[in-house]
Amino acid sequence: MKNKDYFAGPGAALHEAAGDSVLGNQQFSSSHTSNDLWSRLNGEHPPKAMNYEVVAQNADEVRDLRNAPPVSMGPWLIESSQTQLLATISTYSERGNNPDQVRLLYMNATALLVWKTMGRNPTLIGARHRPPSTALLMYGVPFSE
């Protein structure tokens, strides 16, 4: 077996003709970039969903206890008769690195919707599939896939 046959896998030959490469049954032009290949493969293996929005809270927001989900979210859910949402809310917390991001909250879609409905104006700075391992569960249920 030649090296090019080995890398293509058993029974699959890598052919090059007129600037095109064929691997198995897929054809890629030599003018394509790795991003073209990624886009094509991405359709077959979609990325994981971003389950958590990252919310930054500055020093003033952190000083106000109403901006702490464990303090304000529970009473709001009870008063609004929506305690059934407790089983779907997931909020993690982590210390930030600067005065504009003193605390980072990782909120799933339900927690963020409740937070906005409560009249909070979150500063969204990103999204993640799951909270980082350094974040602590602040309120609700743990992350699960």
Protein backbone atom coordinates (compact mmCIF):
# COMPACT_ATOMS: atom_id res chain seq x y z
CA MET A 1 0.00 0.00 0.00
CA LYS A 2 1.35 3.43 -0.88
CA ASN A 3 1.39 6.27 1.68
CA LYS A 4 -1.34 8.18 -0.11
CA ASP A 5 -3.56 5.07 -0.03
CA TYR A 6 -2.82 4.52 3.67
CA PHE A 7 -3.90 8.02 4.72
CA ALA A 8 -7.09 7.79 2.70
CA GLY A 9 -8.03 4.63 4.56
CA PRO A 10 -8.41 1.04 3.42
CA GLY A 11 -10.02 0.71 0.02
CA ALA A 12 -10.08 4.47 -0.57
CA ALA A 13 -7.54 5.99 -2.89
CA LEU A 14 -6.56 9.64 -2.98
CA HIS A 15 -6.60 10.77 -6.59
CA GLU A 16 -5.37 14.03 -7.98
CA ALA A 17 -6.48 15.14 -11.41
CA ALA A 18 -6.72 18.62 -12.89
CA GLY A 19 -6.21 20.34 -9.55
CA ASP A 20 -8.93 18.36 -7.75
CA SER A 21 -8.54 15.86 -4.93
CA VAL A 22 -10.94 13.01 -4.39
CA LEU A 23 -11.09 11.25 -1.06
CA GLY A 24 -13.55 8.40 -1.10
CA ASN A 25 -16.62 9.91 -2.75
CA GLN A 26 -15.93 13.56 -1.84
CA GLN A 27 -14.24 15.98 -4.20
CA PHE A 28 -12.33 19.10 -3.12
CA SER A 29 -10.72 21.59 -5.44
CA SER A 30 -7.11 22.47 -4.65
CA SER A 31 -8.23 26.11 -4.65
CA HIS A 32 -10.53 25.47 -1.67
CA THR A 33 -9.40 26.55 1.76
CA SER A 34 -9.66 24.64 5.00
CA ASN A 35 -12.70 26.82 5.82
CA ASP A 36 -14.45 25.43 2.73
CA LEU A 37 -13.80 21.91 3.96
CA TRP A 38 -14.91 22.88 7.48
CA SER A 39 -18.16 24.36 6.14
CA ARG A 40 -18.87 21.19 4.21
CA LEU A 41 -18.07 18.91 7.15
CA ASN A 42 -19.91 21.21 9.55
CA GLY A 43 -23.19 20.27 7.85
CA GLU A 44 -22.51 16.61 8.57
CA HIS A 45 -21.33 17.25 12.15
CA PRO A 46 -23.08 20.40 13.39
CA PRO A 47 -21.49 22.17 16.36
CA LYS A 48 -23.00 21.73 19.80
CA ALA A 49 -25.73 24.17 20.73
CA MET A 50 -24.80 27.17 22.83
CA ASN A 51 -26.90 26.42 25.90
CA TYR A 52 -25.65 29.21 28.18
CA GLU A 53 -25.52 32.95 27.61
CA VAL A 54 -22.69 34.74 29.39
CA VAL A 55 -23.89 37.80 31.32
CA ALA A 56 -21.41 40.31 32.74
CA GLN A 57 -22.28 42.30 35.84
CA ASN A 58 -20.31 45.39 36.83
CA ALA A 59 -19.46 46.47 40.39
CA ASP A 60 -22.64 48.57 40.80
CA GLU A 61 -24.87 45.68 39.69
CA VAL A 62 -23.13 43.27 42.07
CA ARG A 63 -23.64 45.66 45.02
CA ASP A 64 -27.43 45.52 44.46
CA LEU A 65 -28.60 42.20 45.93
CA ARG A 66 -31.60 42.18 43.60
CA ASN A 67 -29.11 41.39 40.81
CA ALA A 68 -28.20 38.07 42.45
CA PRO A 69 -30.40 35.30 41.00
CA PRO A 70 -30.52 33.26 44.25
CA VAL A 71 -31.87 36.28 46.13
CA SER A 72 -34.40 37.62 43.66
CA MET A 73 -35.40 34.89 41.21
CA GLY A 74 -37.06 32.50 43.69
CA PRO A 75 -39.37 35.08 45.26
CA TRP A 76 -40.29 36.41 41.81
CA LEU A 77 -41.18 32.89 40.59
CA ILE A 78 -43.34 32.33 43.68
CA GLU A 79 -45.11 35.70 43.38
CA SER A 80 -45.79 35.14 39.67
CA SER A 81 -46.97 31.52 40.24
CA GLN A 82 -44.29 30.11 37.95
CA THR A 83 -42.49 27.78 40.36
CA GLN A 84 -42.66 24.99 37.75
CA LEU A 85 -39.76 26.79 36.01
CA LEU A 86 -37.47 26.02 38.95
CA ALA A 87 -36.77 22.58 37.46
CA THR A 88 -35.49 24.12 34.21
CA ILE A 89 -33.50 27.14 35.39
CA SER A 90 -29.72 26.81 35.47
CA THR A 91 -27.42 29.68 36.46
CA TYR A 92 -23.72 29.43 37.19
CA SER A 93 -21.45 32.18 38.49
CA GLU A 94 -17.78 33.00 38.24
CA ARG A 95 -15.63 35.92 39.36
CA GLY A 96 -14.78 38.34 36.57
CA ASN A 97 -11.44 40.06 35.89
CA ASN A 98 -12.22 43.78 35.71
CA PRO A 99 -14.62 46.45 37.08
CA ASP A 100 -16.97 46.06 34.10
CA GLN A 101 -17.11 42.31 34.61
CA VAL A 102 -16.95 41.74 38.36
CA ARG A 103 -19.26 38.73 38.12
CA LEU A 104 -20.02 36.50 35.16
CA LEU A 105 -23.32 34.65 35.07
CA TYR A 106 -23.84 31.65 32.79
CA MET A 107 -27.60 31.45 32.26
CA ASN A 108 -29.54 28.91 30.26
CA ALA A 109 -32.39 30.12 28.03
CA THR A 110 -35.06 29.74 30.72
CA ALA A 111 -33.04 31.59 33.35
CA LEU A 112 -32.25 34.41 30.93
CA LEU A 113 -35.90 34.74 29.89
CA VAL A 114 -37.01 34.91 33.53
CA TRP A 115 -34.23 37.43 34.28
CA LYS A 116 -35.37 39.70 31.44
CA THR A 117 -39.04 39.29 32.42
CA MET A 118 -38.09 40.41 35.92
CA GLY A 119 -36.99 43.71 34.37
CA ARG A 120 -33.25 43.08 34.42
CA ASN A 121 -31.14 44.40 31.54
CA PRO A 122 -28.35 41.81 31.19
CA THR A 123 -25.10 42.67 29.44
CA LEU A 124 -24.56 39.68 27.17
CA ILE A 125 -20.93 39.08 26.27
CA GLY A 126 -20.98 35.60 24.77
CA ALA A 127 -22.40 32.12 24.71
CA ARG A 128 -21.12 28.67 25.62
CA HIS A 129 -22.26 25.09 25.30
CA ARG A 130 -21.76 24.58 29.02
CA PRO A 131 -20.40 26.66 31.91
CA PRO A 132 -16.65 26.42 32.55
CA SER A 133 -15.52 23.94 35.20
CA THR A 134 -14.41 26.89 37.37
CA ALA A 135 -17.96 28.29 37.58
CA LEU A 136 -20.18 27.34 40.51
CA LEU A 137 -23.87 26.51 40.36
CA MET A 138 -25.53 29.64 41.68
CA TYR A 139 -29.21 28.86 41.23
CA GLY A 140 -31.35 26.12 39.74
CA VAL A 141 -30.42 22.72 38.35
CA PRO A 142 -26.99 21.55 37.16
CA PHE A 143 -26.04 21.37 33.51
CA SER A 144 -26.80 18.06 31.79
CA GLU A 145 -26.73 16.88 28.20
